[in-house]
Amino acid sequence: MKQIKEATYDLIHVIQESSLYVQYQECLGVLKKKKKVYAEYDEFRKQHYKLMRSQEDNFDEVEALQQKYRDVLMDHDVVAFMEATDRLTLALKEMYIDIADEIELDIDFVDEI
């Protein structure tokens, strides 16, 4: 287990040193300096996340939310942060998939739940 922990921390360090993570942190820092814009964007994210997690067909609600926060979502620094977030989360997702593909676990029963 010690070897796995060490490798995990090595991976964390590599991710933190990556250009994707550095850019994400830079964009977040710039955005947080714009306190009002960041607060509005953060509220949008909370509401959007709740809508996405619901099991209901809420296309109209999502569209209304996007319209409500249209000006914030058009802010250059918000757009840059969203793009940086997308790039980083996609890279992390691909990493998780690679790990899951290479580690064999007998969890087929999950499909039956």
N, C-alpha and C. Protein backbone atom coordinates (compact mmCIF):
# COMPACT_ATOMS: atom_id res chain seq x y z
N MET A 1 0.82 -1.20 0.00
CA MET A 1 0.00 0.00 0.00
C MET A 1 0.86 1.26 0.00
N LYS A 2 2.00 1.20 0.65
CA LYS A 2 2.89 2.37 0.71
C LYS A 2 3.32 2.79 -0.70
N GLN A 3 3.62 1.82 -1.54
CA GLN A 3 4.04 2.11 -2.91
C GLN A 3 2.92 2.81 -3.70
N ILE A 4 1.69 2.35 -3.48
CA ILE A 4 0.55 2.97 -4.16
C ILE A 4 0.37 4.41 -3.69
N LYS A 5 0.48 4.64 -2.39
CA LYS A 5 0.36 6.00 -1.84
C LYS A 5 1.43 6.92 -2.44
N GLU A 6 2.67 6.43 -2.50
CA GLU A 6 3.76 7.24 -3.04
C GLU A 6 3.51 7.56 -4.51
N ALA A 7 3.07 6.56 -5.27
CA ALA A 7 2.78 6.78 -6.69
C ALA A 7 1.62 7.77 -6.85
N THR A 8 0.65 7.68 -5.96
CA THR A 8 -0.49 8.60 -6.00
C THR A 8 -0.01 10.03 -5.80
N TYR A 9 0.83 10.24 -4.80
CA TYR A 9 1.35 11.60 -4.55
C TYR A 9 2.24 12.07 -5.69
N ASP A 10 2.97 11.15 -6.32
CA ASP A 10 3.76 11.51 -7.50
C ASP A 10 2.84 11.97 -8.63
N LEU A 11 1.75 11.24 -8.83
CA LEU A 11 0.79 11.60 -9.87
C LEU A 11 0.15 12.96 -9.57
N ILE A 12 -0.21 13.17 -8.32
CA ILE A 12 -0.78 14.47 -7.93
C ILE A 12 0.19 15.59 -8.25
N HIS A 13 1.46 15.38 -7.93
CA HIS A 13 2.47 16.40 -8.20
C HIS A 13 2.61 16.66 -9.71
N VAL A 14 2.60 15.61 -10.50
CA VAL A 14 2.70 15.76 -11.96
C VAL A 14 1.50 16.54 -12.48
N ILE A 15 0.31 16.23 -11.98
CA ILE A 15 -0.89 16.96 -12.40
C ILE A 15 -0.78 18.42 -12.01
N GLN A 16 -0.37 18.70 -10.78
CA GLN A 16 -0.25 20.08 -10.31
C GLN A 16 0.80 20.87 -11.09
N GLU A 17 1.78 20.21 -11.63
CA GLU A 17 2.82 20.87 -12.41
C GLU A 17 2.47 20.97 -13.89
N SER A 18 1.38 20.32 -14.30
CA SER A 18 1.01 20.31 -15.71
C SER A 18 0.53 21.69 -16.16
N SER A 19 0.70 21.96 -17.44
CA SER A 19 0.25 23.24 -17.98
C SER A 19 -1.27 23.39 -17.86
N LEU A 20 -2.00 22.28 -17.96
CA LEU A 20 -3.46 22.34 -17.83
C LEU A 20 -3.87 22.82 -16.44
N TYR A 21 -3.24 22.27 -15.41
CA TYR A 21 -3.59 22.65 -14.05
C TYR A 21 -3.11 24.07 -13.72
N VAL A 22 -1.91 24.40 -14.18
CA VAL A 22 -1.38 25.74 -13.95
C VAL A 22 -2.29 26.78 -14.61
N GLN A 23 -2.71 26.52 -15.83
CA GLN A 23 -3.61 27.45 -16.52
C GLN A 23 -4.95 27.55 -15.80
N TYR A 24 -5.47 26.42 -15.34
CA TYR A 24 -6.72 26.42 -14.59
C TYR A 24 -6.59 27.30 -13.35
N GLN A 25 -5.52 27.14 -12.59
CA GLN A 25 -5.31 27.93 -11.39
C GLN A 25 -5.16 29.42 -11.71
N GLU A 26 -4.45 29.71 -12.80
CA GLU A 26 -4.29 31.11 -13.20
C GLU A 26 -5.64 31.73 -13.56
N CYS A 27 -6.44 31.01 -14.34
CA CYS A 27 -7.76 31.52 -14.73
C CYS A 27 -8.65 31.70 -13.51
N LEU A 28 -8.59 30.77 -12.58
CA LEU A 28 -9.38 30.88 -11.35
C LEU A 28 -8.94 32.10 -10.55
N GLY A 29 -7.65 32.31 -10.45
CA GLY A 29 -7.14 33.48 -9.72
C GLY A 29 -7.59 34.79 -10.32
N VAL A 30 -7.54 34.88 -11.64
CA VAL A 30 -7.99 36.10 -12.32
C VAL A 30 -9.48 36.31 -12.07
N LEU A 31 -10.25 35.25 -12.18
CA LEU A 31 -11.69 35.36 -12.00
C LEU A 31 -12.05 35.74 -10.56
N LYS A 32 -11.37 35.17 -9.60
CA LYS A 32 -11.67 35.47 -8.19
C LYS A 32 -11.37 36.92 -7.83
N LYS A 33 -10.50 37.56 -8.59
CA LYS A 33 -10.21 38.98 -8.34
C LYS A 33 -11.40 39.85 -8.72
N LYS A 34 -12.25 39.35 -9.60
CA LYS A 34 -13.47 40.05 -9.99
C LYS A 34 -14.59 39.51 -9.11
N LYS A 35 -14.61 39.96 -7.87
CA LYS A 35 -15.46 39.37 -6.84
C LYS A 35 -16.93 39.26 -7.23
N LYS A 36 -17.48 40.32 -7.78
CA LYS A 36 -18.91 40.31 -8.16
C LYS A 36 -19.17 39.30 -9.27
N VAL A 37 -18.33 39.30 -10.29
CA VAL A 37 -18.49 38.37 -11.41
C VAL A 37 -18.32 36.94 -10.92
N TYR A 38 -17.31 36.72 -10.08
CA TYR A 38 -17.07 35.37 -9.56
C TYR A 38 -18.26 34.90 -8.72
N ALA A 39 -18.80 35.77 -7.88
CA ALA A 39 -19.94 35.40 -7.03
C ALA A 39 -21.15 35.03 -7.89
N GLU A 40 -21.40 35.81 -8.93
CA GLU A 40 -22.53 35.51 -9.82
C GLU A 40 -22.30 34.20 -10.58
N TYR A 41 -21.08 34.02 -11.06
CA TYR A 41 -20.77 32.79 -11.78
C TYR A 41 -20.88 31.58 -10.85
N ASP A 42 -20.43 31.74 -9.62
CA ASP A 42 -20.50 30.65 -8.65
C ASP A 42 -21.95 30.28 -8.37
N GLU A 43 -22.81 31.29 -8.28
CA GLU A 43 -24.24 31.03 -8.07
C GLU A 43 -24.82 30.30 -9.29
N PHE A 44 -24.43 30.72 -10.48
CA PHE A 44 -24.86 30.02 -11.69
C PHE A 44 -24.45 28.56 -11.64
N ARG A 45 -23.18 28.32 -11.27
CA ARG A 45 -22.68 26.93 -11.22
C ARG A 45 -23.49 26.08 -10.24
N LYS A 46 -23.81 26.64 -9.09
CA LYS A 46 -24.59 25.89 -8.10
C LYS A 46 -25.96 25.52 -8.65
N GLN A 47 -26.64 26.50 -9.23
CA GLN A 47 -27.97 26.24 -9.76
C GLN A 47 -27.92 25.28 -10.95
N HIS A 48 -26.94 25.47 -11.80
CA HIS A 48 -26.79 24.60 -12.97
C HIS A 48 -26.51 23.16 -12.53
N TYR A 49 -25.65 23.01 -11.55
CA TYR A 49 -25.31 21.68 -11.04
C TYR A 49 -26.56 20.98 -10.49
N LYS A 50 -27.37 21.72 -9.73
CA LYS A 50 -28.60 21.14 -9.19
C LYS A 50 -29.52 20.67 -10.31
N LEU A 51 -29.65 21.49 -11.34
CA LEU A 51 -30.51 21.11 -12.48
C LEU A 51 -29.96 19.88 -13.19
N MET A 52 -28.66 19.81 -13.35
CA MET A 52 -28.05 18.69 -14.06
C MET A 52 -28.18 17.38 -13.26
N ARG A 53 -28.20 17.50 -11.95
CA ARG A 53 -28.30 16.33 -11.08
C ARG A 53 -29.73 15.81 -10.97
N SER A 54 -30.68 16.63 -11.31
CA SER A 54 -32.07 16.20 -11.19
C SER A 54 -32.38 15.20 -12.30
N GLN A 55 -33.32 14.35 -12.03
CA GLN A 55 -33.71 13.31 -12.99
C GLN A 55 -34.78 13.80 -13.96
N GLU A 56 -35.20 15.02 -13.79
CA GLU A 56 -36.28 15.57 -14.60
C GLU A 56 -35.77 16.11 -15.93
N ASP A 57 -36.67 16.18 -16.90
CA ASP A 57 -36.37 16.82 -18.17
C ASP A 57 -36.51 18.33 -17.95
N ASN A 58 -35.40 19.02 -17.83
CA ASN A 58 -35.44 20.43 -17.43
C ASN A 58 -34.73 21.34 -18.44
N PHE A 59 -34.85 21.02 -19.69
CA PHE A 59 -34.21 21.81 -20.73
C PHE A 59 -34.60 23.28 -20.64
N ASP A 60 -35.89 23.54 -20.44
CA ASP A 60 -36.36 24.93 -20.37
C ASP A 60 -35.77 25.66 -19.17
N GLU A 61 -35.65 24.97 -18.05
CA GLU A 61 -35.08 25.58 -16.85
C GLU A 61 -33.59 25.90 -17.05
N VAL A 62 -32.88 24.99 -17.69
CA VAL A 62 -31.46 25.22 -17.97
C VAL A 62 -31.30 26.41 -18.90
N GLU A 63 -32.12 26.45 -19.92
CA GLU A 63 -32.06 27.57 -20.86
C GLU A 63 -32.39 28.90 -20.17
N ALA A 64 -33.38 28.89 -19.29
CA ALA A 64 -33.75 30.10 -18.56
C ALA A 64 -32.60 30.53 -17.63
N LEU A 65 -31.96 29.57 -17.00
CA LEU A 65 -30.83 29.87 -16.13
C LEU A 65 -29.68 30.49 -16.92
N GLN A 66 -29.41 29.94 -18.09
CA GLN A 66 -28.35 30.49 -18.94
C GLN A 66 -28.68 31.90 -19.39
N GLN A 67 -29.94 32.14 -19.67
CA GLN A 67 -30.36 33.50 -20.06
C GLN A 67 -30.21 34.47 -18.89
N LYS A 68 -30.59 34.01 -17.70
CA LYS A 68 -30.51 34.85 -16.51
C LYS A 68 -29.06 35.29 -16.25
N TYR A 69 -28.11 34.39 -16.49
CA TYR A 69 -26.70 34.67 -16.23
C TYR A 69 -25.91 34.94 -17.51
N ARG A 70 -26.63 35.31 -18.56
CA ARG A 70 -26.02 35.52 -19.88
C ARG A 70 -24.81 36.44 -19.83
N ASP A 71 -24.95 37.59 -19.20
CA ASP A 71 -23.85 38.56 -19.16
C ASP A 71 -22.63 38.00 -18.46
N VAL A 72 -22.85 37.29 -17.36
CA VAL A 72 -21.73 36.67 -16.62
C VAL A 72 -21.06 35.61 -17.48
N LEU A 73 -21.87 34.81 -18.16
CA LEU A 73 -21.32 33.73 -18.98
C LEU A 73 -20.58 34.23 -20.21
N MET A 74 -20.79 35.49 -20.55
CA MET A 74 -20.10 36.09 -21.70
C MET A 74 -18.82 36.80 -21.28
N ASP A 75 -18.61 36.96 -19.98
CA ASP A 75 -17.41 37.63 -19.48
C ASP A 75 -16.17 36.86 -19.93
N HIS A 76 -15.20 37.57 -20.44
CA HIS A 76 -13.99 36.94 -20.99
C HIS A 76 -13.30 36.03 -19.97
N ASP A 77 -13.19 36.49 -18.74
CA ASP A 77 -12.49 35.70 -17.73
C ASP A 77 -13.30 34.48 -17.31
N VAL A 78 -14.62 34.58 -17.33
CA VAL A 78 -15.46 33.42 -17.05
C VAL A 78 -15.30 32.39 -18.16
N VAL A 79 -15.32 32.86 -19.40
CA VAL A 79 -15.15 31.95 -20.54
C VAL A 79 -13.79 31.25 -20.46
N ALA A 80 -12.75 32.00 -20.16
CA ALA A 80 -11.40 31.42 -20.06
C ALA A 80 -11.36 30.37 -18.95
N PHE A 81 -12.00 30.68 -17.82
CA PHE A 81 -12.02 29.72 -16.71
C PHE A 81 -12.80 28.47 -17.08
N MET A 82 -13.96 28.64 -17.73
CA MET A 82 -14.76 27.48 -18.14
C MET A 82 -13.98 26.61 -19.12
N GLU A 83 -13.28 27.23 -20.05
CA GLU A 83 -12.49 26.46 -21.01
C GLU A 83 -11.35 25.72 -20.32
N ALA A 84 -10.67 26.39 -19.39
CA ALA A 84 -9.59 25.75 -18.65
C ALA A 84 -10.13 24.60 -17.81
N THR A 85 -11.30 24.80 -17.21
CA THR A 85 -11.93 23.74 -16.43
C THR A 85 -12.26 22.55 -17.30
N ASP A 86 -12.83 22.81 -18.47
CA ASP A 86 -13.17 21.72 -19.40
C ASP A 86 -11.93 20.93 -19.81
N ARG A 87 -10.85 21.64 -20.14
CA ARG A 87 -9.64 20.94 -20.56
C ARG A 87 -9.06 20.08 -19.43
N LEU A 88 -9.03 20.62 -18.23
CA LEU A 88 -8.49 19.87 -17.10
C LEU A 88 -9.37 18.68 -16.75
N THR A 89 -10.68 18.89 -16.67
CA THR A 89 -11.56 17.78 -16.30
C THR A 89 -11.57 16.69 -17.37
N LEU A 90 -11.44 17.07 -18.63
CA LEU A 90 -11.36 16.06 -19.69
C LEU A 90 -10.09 15.23 -19.55
N ALA A 91 -8.98 15.89 -19.25
CA ALA A 91 -7.72 15.17 -19.05
C ALA A 91 -7.81 14.22 -17.86
N LEU A 92 -8.42 14.69 -16.76
CA LEU A 92 -8.59 13.84 -15.59
C LEU A 92 -9.51 12.66 -15.90
N LYS A 93 -10.59 12.93 -16.64
CA LYS A 93 -11.51 11.86 -17.02
C LYS A 93 -10.78 10.79 -17.84
N GLU A 94 -9.98 11.23 -18.80
CA GLU A 94 -9.23 10.28 -19.62
C GLU A 94 -8.26 9.46 -18.77
N MET A 95 -7.64 10.11 -17.78
CA MET A 95 -6.74 9.41 -16.88
C MET A 95 -7.51 8.36 -16.08
N TYR A 96 -8.68 8.74 -15.53
CA TYR A 96 -9.49 7.79 -14.76
C TYR A 96 -9.90 6.60 -15.62
N ILE A 97 -10.28 6.88 -16.86
CA ILE A 97 -10.69 5.81 -17.78
C ILE A 97 -9.52 4.87 -18.04
N ASP A 98 -8.34 5.44 -18.28
CA ASP A 98 -7.16 4.61 -18.51
C ASP A 98 -6.88 3.71 -17.32
N ILE A 99 -6.97 4.26 -16.13
CA ILE A 99 -6.74 3.46 -14.92
C ILE A 99 -7.79 2.37 -14.81
N ALA A 100 -9.05 2.73 -14.97
CA ALA A 100 -10.13 1.75 -14.86
C ALA A 100 -10.01 0.66 -15.91
N ASP A 101 -9.56 1.02 -17.11
CA ASP A 101 -9.40 0.02 -18.17
C ASP A 101 -8.30 -0.98 -17.86
N GLU A 102 -7.31 -0.55 -17.12
CA GLU A 102 -6.15 -1.41 -16.86
C GLU A 102 -6.24 -2.18 -15.54
N ILE A 103 -7.14 -1.78 -14.66
CA ILE A 103 -7.30 -2.45 -13.38
C ILE A 103 -8.54 -3.32 -13.47
N GLU A 104 -8.35 -4.63 -13.39
CA GLU A 104 -9.47 -5.55 -13.50
C GLU A 104 -10.16 -5.72 -12.15
N LEU A 105 -11.43 -5.37 -12.13
CA LEU A 105 -12.25 -5.57 -10.95
C LEU A 105 -13.50 -6.34 -11.35
N ASP A 106 -13.90 -7.29 -10.55
CA ASP A 106 -15.10 -8.06 -10.82
C ASP A 106 -16.29 -7.33 -10.23
N ILE A 107 -16.81 -6.36 -11.00
CA ILE A 107 -17.94 -5.57 -10.51
C ILE A 107 -19.11 -5.58 -11.52
N ASP A 108 -19.22 -6.66 -12.27
CA ASP A 108 -20.30 -6.76 -13.25
C ASP A 108 -21.67 -6.71 -12.61
N PHE A 109 -21.75 -7.07 -11.34
CA PHE A 109 -23.04 -7.05 -10.63
C PHE A 109 -23.65 -5.65 -10.60
N VAL A 110 -22.81 -4.61 -10.74
CA VAL A 110 -23.30 -3.23 -10.69
C VAL A 110 -24.31 -2.98 -11.83
N ASP A 111 -24.07 -3.61 -12.97
CA ASP A 111 -24.98 -3.42 -14.10
C ASP A 111 -26.39 -3.93 -13.80
N GLU A 112 -26.51 -4.81 -12.84
CA GLU A 112 -27.81 -5.40 -12.50
C GLU A 112 -28.58 -4.58 -11.47
N ILE A 113 -27.97 -3.56 -10.93
CA ILE A 113 -28.61 -2.76 -9.88
C ILE A 113 -29.49 -1.70 -10.51
